[in-house]
C-alpha atoms as a PDB file:
ATOM      1  CA  UNK A   1       9.653   9.118 -40.539  1.00  0.00           C
ATOM      2  CA  UNK A   2       8.213  10.151 -43.549  1.00  0.00           C
ATOM      3  CA  UNK A   3       8.575   8.945 -46.714  1.00  0.00           C
ATOM      4  CA  UNK A   4       8.986  10.766 -50.108  1.00  0.00           C
ATOM      5  CA  UNK A   5       8.708   9.427 -52.999  1.00  0.00           C
ATOM      6  CA  UNK A   6       9.006  11.337 -56.573  1.00  0.00           C
ATOM      7  CA  UNK A   7       5.627  11.480 -59.414  1.00  0.00           C
ATOM      8  CA  UNK A   8       6.799  12.024 -62.552  1.00  0.00           C
ATOM      9  CA  UNK A   9       5.079  14.710 -64.260  1.00  0.00           C
ATOM     10  CA  UNK A  10       3.748  14.050 -67.694  1.00  0.00           C
ATOM     11  CA  UNK A  11       3.776  16.738 -70.221  1.00  0.00           C
ATOM     12  CA  UNK A  12       2.282  17.029 -73.440  1.00  0.00           C
ATOM     13  CA  UNK A  13       4.336  17.323 -76.673  1.00  0.00           C
ATOM     14  CA  UNK A  14       3.849  19.688 -79.091  1.00  0.00           C
ATOM     15  CA  UNK A  15       3.248  18.385 -82.654  1.00  0.00           C
ATOM     16  CA  UNK A  16       6.566  19.813 -83.881  1.00  0.00           C
ATOM     17  CA  UNK A  17       8.147  17.932 -80.931  1.00  0.00           C
ATOM     18  CA  UNK A  18       5.848  14.810 -82.050  1.00  0.00           C
ATOM     19  CA  UNK A  19       7.575  14.722 -85.651  1.00  0.00           C
ATOM     20  CA  UNK A  20      11.148  14.821 -84.184  1.00  0.00           C
ATOM     21  CA  UNK A  21      10.944  12.433 -81.749  1.00  0.00           C
ATOM     22  CA  UNK A  22       9.488  10.558 -84.384  1.00  0.00           C
ATOM     23  CA  UNK A  23      11.740  10.949 -86.947  1.00  0.00           C
ATOM     24  CA  UNK A  24      14.826  10.320 -84.706  1.00  0.00           C
ATOM     25  CA  UNK A  25      12.742   6.921 -83.784  1.00  0.00           C
ATOM     26  CA  UNK A  26      12.943   5.939 -86.978  1.00  0.00           C
ATOM     27  CA  UNK A  27      16.560   6.825 -87.390  1.00  0.00           C
ATOM     28  CA  UNK A  28      16.027   9.169 -89.851  1.00  0.00           C
ATOM     29  CA  UNK A  29      17.679  12.654 -90.686  1.00  0.00           C
ATOM     30  CA  UNK A  30      16.189  15.443 -91.858  1.00  0.00           C
ATOM     31  CA  UNK A  31      17.873  15.505 -95.332  1.00  0.00           C
ATOM     32  CA  UNK A  32      16.718  12.060 -95.935  1.00  0.00           C
ATOM     33  CA  UNK A  33      13.108  12.690 -94.714  1.00  0.00           C
ATOM     34  CA  UNK A  34      13.033  15.458 -97.232  1.00  0.00           C
ATOM     35  CA  UNK A  35      14.330  13.538-100.106  1.00  0.00           C
ATOM     36  CA  UNK A  36      11.544  10.865 -99.032  1.00  0.00           C
ATOM     37  CA  UNK A  37       8.704  12.911 -98.321  1.00  0.00           C
ATOM     38  CA  UNK A  38       9.504  15.615-101.024  1.00  0.00           C
ATOM     39  CA  UNK A  39       9.169  18.364 -98.613  1.00  0.00           C
ATOM     40  CA  UNK A  40      11.950  20.980 -98.152  1.00  0.00           C
ATOM     41  CA  UNK A  41      14.038  20.236 -95.206  1.00  0.00           C
ATOM     42  CA  UNK A  42      14.215  23.483 -93.850  1.00  0.00           C
ATOM     43  CA  UNK A  43       9.958  23.119 -93.792  1.00  0.00           C
ATOM     44  CA  UNK A  44      10.606  19.832 -92.201  1.00  0.00           C
ATOM     45  CA  UNK A  45      12.410  21.420 -89.795  1.00  0.00           C
ATOM     46  CA  UNK A  46      10.100  24.523 -89.104  1.00  0.00           C
ATOM     47  CA  UNK A  47       7.359  22.090 -88.398  1.00  0.00           C
ATOM     48  CA  UNK A  48       9.570  20.190 -85.931  1.00  0.00           C
ATOM     49  CA  UNK A  49       9.844  23.432 -84.025  1.00  0.00           C
ATOM     50  CA  UNK A  50       7.282  24.326 -84.754  1.00  0.00           C
ATOM     51  CA  UNK A  51       8.276  28.197 -86.336  1.00  0.00           C
ATOM     52  CA  UNK A  52       5.212  27.908 -88.379  1.00  0.00           C
ATOM     53  CA  UNK A  53       5.623  31.599 -89.924  1.00  0.00           C
ATOM     54  CA  UNK A  54       8.790  30.077 -92.120  1.00  0.00           C
ATOM     55  CA  UNK A  55       6.062  28.192 -94.263  1.00  0.00           C
ATOM     56  CA  UNK A  56       4.307  29.404 -97.318  1.00  0.00           C
ATOM     57  CA  UNK A  57       1.240  29.708 -95.703  1.00  0.00           C
ATOM     58  CA  UNK A  58      -1.979  28.112 -93.855  1.00  0.00           C
ATOM     59  CA  UNK A  59      -2.782  25.789 -96.712  1.00  0.00           C
ATOM     60  CA  UNK A  60       1.354  24.503 -97.484  1.00  0.00           C
ATOM     61  CA  UNK A  61       1.367  24.170 -93.394  1.00  0.00           C
ATOM     62  CA  UNK A  62      -1.515  21.867 -92.961  1.00  0.00           C
ATOM     63  CA  UNK A  63      -0.493  19.644 -96.430  1.00  0.00           C
ATOM     64  CA  UNK A  64       3.005  19.537 -95.378  1.00  0.00           C
ATOM     65  CA  UNK A  65       2.117  18.410 -92.204  1.00  0.00           C
ATOM     66  CA  UNK A  66      -0.379  15.534 -93.360  1.00  0.00           C
ATOM     67  CA  UNK A  67       2.428  14.235 -95.799  1.00  0.00           C
ATOM     68  CA  UNK A  68       5.098  14.140 -92.592  1.00  0.00           C
ATOM     69  CA  UNK A  69       2.671  12.529 -90.567  1.00  0.00           C
ATOM     70  CA  UNK A  70       1.728   9.891 -92.471  1.00  0.00           C
ATOM     71  CA  UNK A  71       5.390   9.385 -93.703  1.00  0.00           C
ATOM     72  CA  UNK A  72       6.013   9.230 -89.721  1.00  0.00           C
ATOM     73  CA  UNK A  73       3.364   6.556 -89.353  1.00  0.00           C
ATOM     74  CA  UNK A  74       1.627   9.590 -87.086  1.00  0.00           C
ATOM     75  CA  UNK A  75      -2.490   9.688 -86.712  1.00  0.00           C
ATOM     76  CA  UNK A  76      -2.861  12.396 -89.187  1.00  0.00           C
ATOM     77  CA  UNK A  77      -6.063  13.853 -87.550  1.00  0.00           C
ATOM     78  CA  UNK A  78      -4.551  13.627 -84.218  1.00  0.00           C
ATOM     79  CA  UNK A  79      -1.680  15.519 -85.256  1.00  0.00           C
ATOM     80  CA  UNK A  80      -3.905  18.028 -87.649  1.00  0.00           C
ATOM     81  CA  UNK A  81      -5.845  18.727 -84.427  1.00  0.00           C
ATOM     82  CA  UNK A  82      -2.893  19.391 -82.192  1.00  0.00           C
ATOM     83  CA  UNK A  83      -1.953  22.208 -84.988  1.00  0.00           C
ATOM     84  CA  UNK A  84      -5.014  23.700 -85.411  1.00  0.00           C
ATOM     85  CA  UNK A  85      -5.492  24.080 -81.049  1.00  0.00           C
ATOM     86  CA  UNK A  86      -1.824  25.386 -81.114  1.00  0.00           C
ATOM     87  CA  UNK A  87      -2.753  27.539 -83.830  1.00  0.00           C
ATOM     88  CA  UNK A  88      -5.308  29.044 -82.045  1.00  0.00           C
ATOM     89  CA  UNK A  89      -2.996  30.329 -78.643  1.00  0.00           C
ATOM     90  CA  UNK A  90      -0.311  30.915 -80.984  1.00  0.00           C
ATOM     91  CA  UNK A  91      -3.056  33.855 -82.727  1.00  0.00           C
ATOM     92  CA  UNK A  92      -3.921  34.980 -78.968  1.00  0.00           C
ATOM     93  CA  UNK A  93      -0.601  35.504 -77.880  1.00  0.00           C
ATOM     94  CA  UNK A  94       0.411  37.006 -81.017  1.00  0.00           C
ATOM     95  CA  UNK A  95      -2.690  39.379 -80.649  1.00  0.00           C
ATOM     96  CA  UNK A  96      -1.758  40.243 -76.767  1.00  0.00           C
ATOM     97  CA  UNK A  97       1.883  41.149 -77.695  1.00  0.00           C
ATOM     98  CA  UNK A  98       0.363  43.505 -80.923  1.00  0.00           C
ATOM     99  CA  UNK A  99      -1.295  45.424 -77.957  1.00  0.00           C
ATOM    100  CA  UNK A 100       1.371  45.734 -75.309  1.00  0.00           C
ATOM    101  CA  UNK A 101       3.258  49.381 -75.819  1.00  0.00           C
ATOM    102  CA  UNK A 102       6.678  48.418 -75.121  1.00  0.00           C
ATOM    103  CA  UNK A 103       8.141  51.986 -74.250  1.00  0.00           C
ATOM    104  CA  UNK A 104      11.637  52.749 -74.246  1.00  0.00           C
ATOM    105  CA  UNK A 105      13.513  54.289 -71.729  1.00  0.00           C
ATOM    106  CA  UNK A 106      14.086  57.827 -72.070  1.00  0.00           C
ATOM    107  CA  UNK A 107      18.153  58.320 -72.860  1.00  0.00           C
ATOM    108  CA  UNK A 108      19.356  61.247 -70.430  1.00  0.00           C
ATOM    109  CA  UNK A 109      22.060  63.087 -71.999  1.00  0.00           C
ATOM    110  CA  UNK A 110      24.653  64.078 -69.545  1.00  0.00           C
ATOM    111  CA  UNK A 111      26.286  67.353 -69.748  1.00  0.00           C
ATOM    112  CA  UNK A 112      29.613  66.641 -68.295  1.00  0.00           C
ATOM    113  CA  UNK A 113      29.980  64.184 -70.422  1.00  0.00           C
ATOM    114  CA  UNK A 114      29.842  66.616 -73.720  1.00  0.00           C
ATOM    115  CA  UNK A 115      33.206  67.115 -75.256  1.00  0.00           C
ATOM    116  CA  UNK A 116      33.233  70.203 -77.554  1.00  0.00           C
ATOM    117  CA  UNK A 117      35.335  69.755 -80.139  1.00  0.00           C
ATOM    118  CA  UNK A 118      36.874  72.721 -82.470  1.00  0.00           C
ATOM    119  CA  UNK A 119      34.480  71.920 -85.031  1.00  0.00           C
ATOM    120  CA  UNK A 120      30.932  72.029 -82.413  1.00  0.00           C
ATOM    121  CA  UNK A 121      32.485  75.645 -81.351  1.00  0.00           C
ATOM    122  CA  UNK A 122      32.851  76.946 -84.531  1.00  0.00           C
ATOM    123  CA  UNK A 123      29.351  75.876 -85.309  1.00  0.00           C
ATOM    124  CA  UNK A 124      27.472  77.124 -82.184  1.00  0.00           C
ATOM    125  CA  UNK A 125      29.345  80.675 -82.981  1.00  0.00           C
ATOM    126  CA  UNK A 126      27.968  80.571 -86.673  1.00  0.00           C
ATOM    127  CA  UNK A 127      24.677  79.541 -85.294  1.00  0.00           C
ATOM    128  CA  UNK A 128      24.667  82.323 -83.021  1.00  0.00           C
ATOM    129  CA  UNK A 129      25.870  84.598 -85.607  1.00  0.00           C
ATOM    130  CA  UNK A 130      23.104  84.054 -88.120  1.00  0.00           C
ATOM    131  CA  UNK A 131      20.566  84.232 -85.299  1.00  0.00           C
ATOM    132  CA  UNK A 132      21.452  87.873 -84.312  1.00  0.00           C
ATOM    133  CA  UNK A 133      21.818  88.693 -88.024  1.00  0.00           C
ATOM    134  CA  UNK A 134      18.766  87.422 -88.704  1.00  0.00           C
ATOM    135  CA  UNK A 135      16.882  89.308 -85.731  1.00  0.00           C
ATOM    136  CA  UNK A 136      18.860  91.968 -86.571  1.00  0.00           C
ATOM    137  CA  UNK A 137      17.802  91.967 -90.695  1.00  0.00           C
ATOM    138  CA  UNK A 138      14.217  91.223 -89.186  1.00  0.00           C
ATOM    139  CA  UNK A 139      14.230  94.446 -87.263  1.00  0.00           C
ATOM    140  CA  UNK A 140      15.600  96.969 -89.818  1.00  0.00           C
ATOM    141  CA  UNK A 141      12.748  95.335 -92.315  1.00  0.00           C
ATOM    142  CA  UNK A 142       9.759  96.027 -89.748  1.00  0.00           C
ATOM    143  CA  UNK A 143      11.306  99.766 -88.887  1.00  0.00           C
ATOM    144  CA  UNK A 144      11.279 100.209 -93.433  1.00  0.00           C
ATOM    145  CA  UNK A 145       8.166  98.355 -93.919  1.00  0.00           C
ATOM    146  CA  UNK A 146       6.349  99.889 -90.377  1.00  0.00           C
ATOM    147  CA  UNK A 147       4.194 103.859 -90.747  1.00  0.00           C
ATOM    148  CA  UNK A 148       5.760 106.587 -88.995  1.00  0.00           C
ATOM    149  CA  UNK A 149       4.904 107.789 -85.799  1.00  0.00           C
ATOM    150  CA  UNK A 150       2.263 111.007 -86.636  1.00  0.00           C
ATOM    151  CA  UNK A 151       0.815 113.208 -83.892  1.00  0.00           C
ATOM    152  CA  UNK A 152      -1.640 115.379 -84.776  1.00  0.00           C
ATOM    153  CA  UNK A 153      -2.120 118.597 -82.630  1.00  0.00           C
ATOM    154  CA  UNK A 154      -4.568 120.394 -83.850  1.00  0.00           C
ATOM    155  CA  UNK A 155      -7.686 120.933 -84.984  1.00  0.00           C
ATOM    156  CA  UNK A 156      -9.247 118.082 -82.234  1.00  0.00           C
ATOM    157  CA  UNK A 157     -11.958 116.291 -84.135  1.00  0.00           C
ATOM    158  CA  UNK A 158     -15.008 117.918 -84.491  1.00  0.00           C
ATOM    159  CA  UNK A 159     -14.294 121.218 -84.036  1.00  0.00           C
ATOM    160  CA  UNK A 160     -16.852 124.015 -84.172  1.00  0.00           C
ATOM    161  CA  UNK A 161     -15.407 127.309 -86.042  1.00  0.00           C
ATOM    162  CA  UNK A 162     -16.844 130.329 -87.053  1.00  0.00           C
ATOM    163  CA  UNK A 163     -13.998 131.417 -88.832  1.00  0.00           C
ATOM    164  CA  UNK A 164     -13.226 129.692 -92.388  1.00  0.00           C
ATOM    165  CA  UNK A 165      -9.279 129.241 -91.610  1.00  0.00           C
ATOM    166  CA  UNK A 166      -8.088 126.812 -89.373  1.00  0.00           C
ATOM    167  CA  UNK A 167      -4.336 126.042 -88.376  1.00  0.00           C
ATOM    168  CA  UNK A 168      -3.089 122.402 -88.528  1.00  0.00           C
ATOM    169  CA  UNK A 169      -0.603 121.899 -86.516  1.00  0.00           C
ATOM    170  CA  UNK A 170       1.693 118.600 -85.537  1.00  0.00           C
ATOM    171  CA  UNK A 171       4.670 115.918 -85.138  1.00  0.00           C
ATOM    172  CA  UNK A 172       6.024 113.653 -87.540  1.00  0.00           C
ATOM    173  CA  UNK A 173       9.137 111.093 -87.081  1.00  0.00           C
ATOM    174  CA  UNK A 174      11.897 112.725 -88.288  1.00  0.00           C
ATOM    175  CA  UNK A 175      12.684 111.103 -92.058  1.00  0.00           C
ATOM    176  CA  UNK A 176       8.976 111.046 -92.670  1.00  0.00           C
ATOM    177  CA  UNK A 177       6.891 113.260 -95.308  1.00  0.00           C
ATOM    178  CA  UNK A 178       3.698 114.613 -93.948  1.00  0.00           C
ATOM    179  CA  UNK A 179       0.636 115.612 -96.717  1.00  0.00           C
ATOM    180  CA  UNK A 180      -2.429 117.676 -95.923  1.00  0.00           C
ATOM    181  CA  UNK A 181      -4.964 117.211 -98.103  1.00  0.00           C
ATOM    182  CA  UNK A 182      -2.892 115.594-100.579  1.00  0.00           C
ATOM    183  CA  UNK A 183      -0.789 118.549-100.510  1.00  0.00           C
ATOM    184  CA  UNK A 184       2.777 118.376 -98.775  1.00  0.00           C
ATOM    185  CA  UNK A 185       3.755 120.076 -96.059  1.00  0.00           C
ATOM    186  CA  UNK A 186       7.408 121.625 -94.827  1.00  0.00           C
ATOM    187  CA  UNK A 187       8.638 119.933 -91.134  1.00  0.00           C
ATOM    188  CA  UNK A 188      11.376 121.460 -89.075  1.00  0.00           C
ATOM    189  CA  UNK A 189      14.413 119.343 -87.666  1.00  0.00           C
ATOM    190  CA  UNK A 190      12.006 117.665 -85.022  1.00  0.00           C
ATOM    191  CA  UNK A 191       9.760 117.118 -87.463  1.00  0.00           C
ATOM    192  CA  UNK A 192       6.754 119.687 -86.387  1.00  0.00           C
ATOM    193  CA  UNK A 193       4.871 120.914 -88.895  1.00  0.00           C
ATOM    194  CA  UNK A 194       2.072 123.826 -89.229  1.00  0.00           C
ATOM    195  CA  UNK A 195      -0.220 124.524 -91.788  1.00  0.00           C
ATOM    196  CA  UNK A 196      -3.210 126.887 -92.192  1.00  0.00           C
ATOM    197  CA  UNK A 197      -6.033 126.107 -94.256  1.00  0.00           C
ATOM    198  CA  UNK A 198      -8.925 127.795 -95.689  1.00  0.00           C
ATOM    199  CA  UNK A 199     -12.547 126.167 -94.941  1.00  0.00           C
ATOM    200  CA  UNK A 200     -15.616 125.995 -96.584  1.00  0.00           C
ATOM    201  CA  UNK A 201     -19.296 126.887 -94.701  1.00  0.00           C
ATOM    202  CA  UNK A 202     -20.043 123.491 -93.266  1.00  0.00           C
ATOM    203  CA  UNK A 203     -18.670 120.353 -92.734  1.00  0.00           C
ATOM    204  CA  UNK A 204     -14.595 120.041 -93.514  1.00  0.00           C
ATOM    205  CA  UNK A 205     -12.963 116.812 -93.307  1.00  0.00           C
ATOM    206  CA  UNK A 206      -8.778 117.294 -93.335  1.00  0.00           C
ATOM    207  CA  UNK A 207      -7.171 114.170 -93.842  1.00  0.00           C
ATOM    208  CA  UNK A 208      -3.247 114.596 -92.713  1.00  0.00           C
ATOM    209  CA  UNK A 209      -1.221 111.501 -94.479  1.00  0.00           C
ATOM    210  CA  UNK A 210       2.443 110.525 -93.332  1.00  0.00           C
ATOM    211  CA  UNK A 211       5.186 107.987 -94.515  1.00  0.00           C
ATOM    212  CA  UNK A 212       8.410 107.301 -95.238  1.00  0.00           C
ATOM    213  CA  UNK A 213      10.348 105.291 -97.925  1.00  0.00           C
ATOM    214  CA  UNK A 214       9.134 101.668 -98.533  1.00  0.00           C
ATOM    215  CA  UNK A 215       7.012 102.310 -95.600  1.00  0.00           C
ATOM    216  CA  UNK A 216       3.210 101.796 -95.307  1.00  0.00           C
ATOM    217  CA  UNK A 217       0.680 104.857 -95.110  1.00  0.00           C
ATOM    218  CA  UNK A 218      -0.425 106.829 -91.992  1.00  0.00           C
ATOM    219  CA  UNK A 219      -3.510 108.742 -91.789  1.00  0.00           C
ATOM    220  CA  UNK A 220      -5.254 110.548 -89.321  1.00  0.00           C
ATOM    221  CA  UNK A 221      -9.085 112.665 -90.075  1.00  0.00           C
ATOM    222  CA  UNK A 222     -10.185 115.552 -88.708  1.00  0.00           C
ATOM    223  CA  UNK A 223     -13.678 117.262 -89.209  1.00  0.00           C
ATOM    224  CA  UNK A 224     -14.079 120.992 -88.592  1.00  0.00           C
ATOM    225  CA  UNK A 225     -17.589 122.497 -89.104  1.00  0.00           C
ATOM    226  CA  UNK A 226     -17.726 126.083 -89.808  1.00  0.00           C
ATOM    227  CA  UNK A 227     -20.831 128.012 -88.059  1.00  0.00           C
ATOM    228  CA  UNK A 228     -22.230 130.770 -90.276  1.00  0.00           C
ATOM    229  CA  UNK A 229     -23.094 133.380 -87.978  1.00  0.00           C
ATOM    230  CA  UNK A 230     -26.765 135.413 -88.481  1.00  0.00           C
END
């Protein structure tokens, strides 16, 4: 029959654990140790639990360790050497933690759990009405600012004629005004217009302009060339 024996595994104590164990061995509490070594009890406790972040800084930590180790009768060089090793391990651990991007789980919204109160409903209706008003106003402003519709039926561009008279016809958007070569032209109820122009020999440029109140201008040009008969 096999006989099993237990073997105790020795685990090395940290610097803080060694300090705490030695103090307890001496039968001294933290307040008494703090008074005798002239270091705050909070700092001594931080040393014993290896919470070095609560210490004022690296220089203070080393000086506190020296004084406390000397007070407890520990080997100062051994304590400082182990502290240095632990600090390197701690720094590497903190660096690894800082490089890990911990993503928060995305919170799902379950609409069936959403309670629509009268206030929420009222605000929703107001928001929808505001959006409708903004869209309507935007369309109205666009209609006012945009140039009106204008179409010129005759003459065609680059028209060659032998007579010094040409008829300009076309259609414009209702409520818009038309000018041909700077002169206003009448339109009928459908926006149709017709005007006879006297031409000069050679090239004639005809400018047809239409606009509404506060709108942009729209311009169409026609070139008519009068050819003199020999």
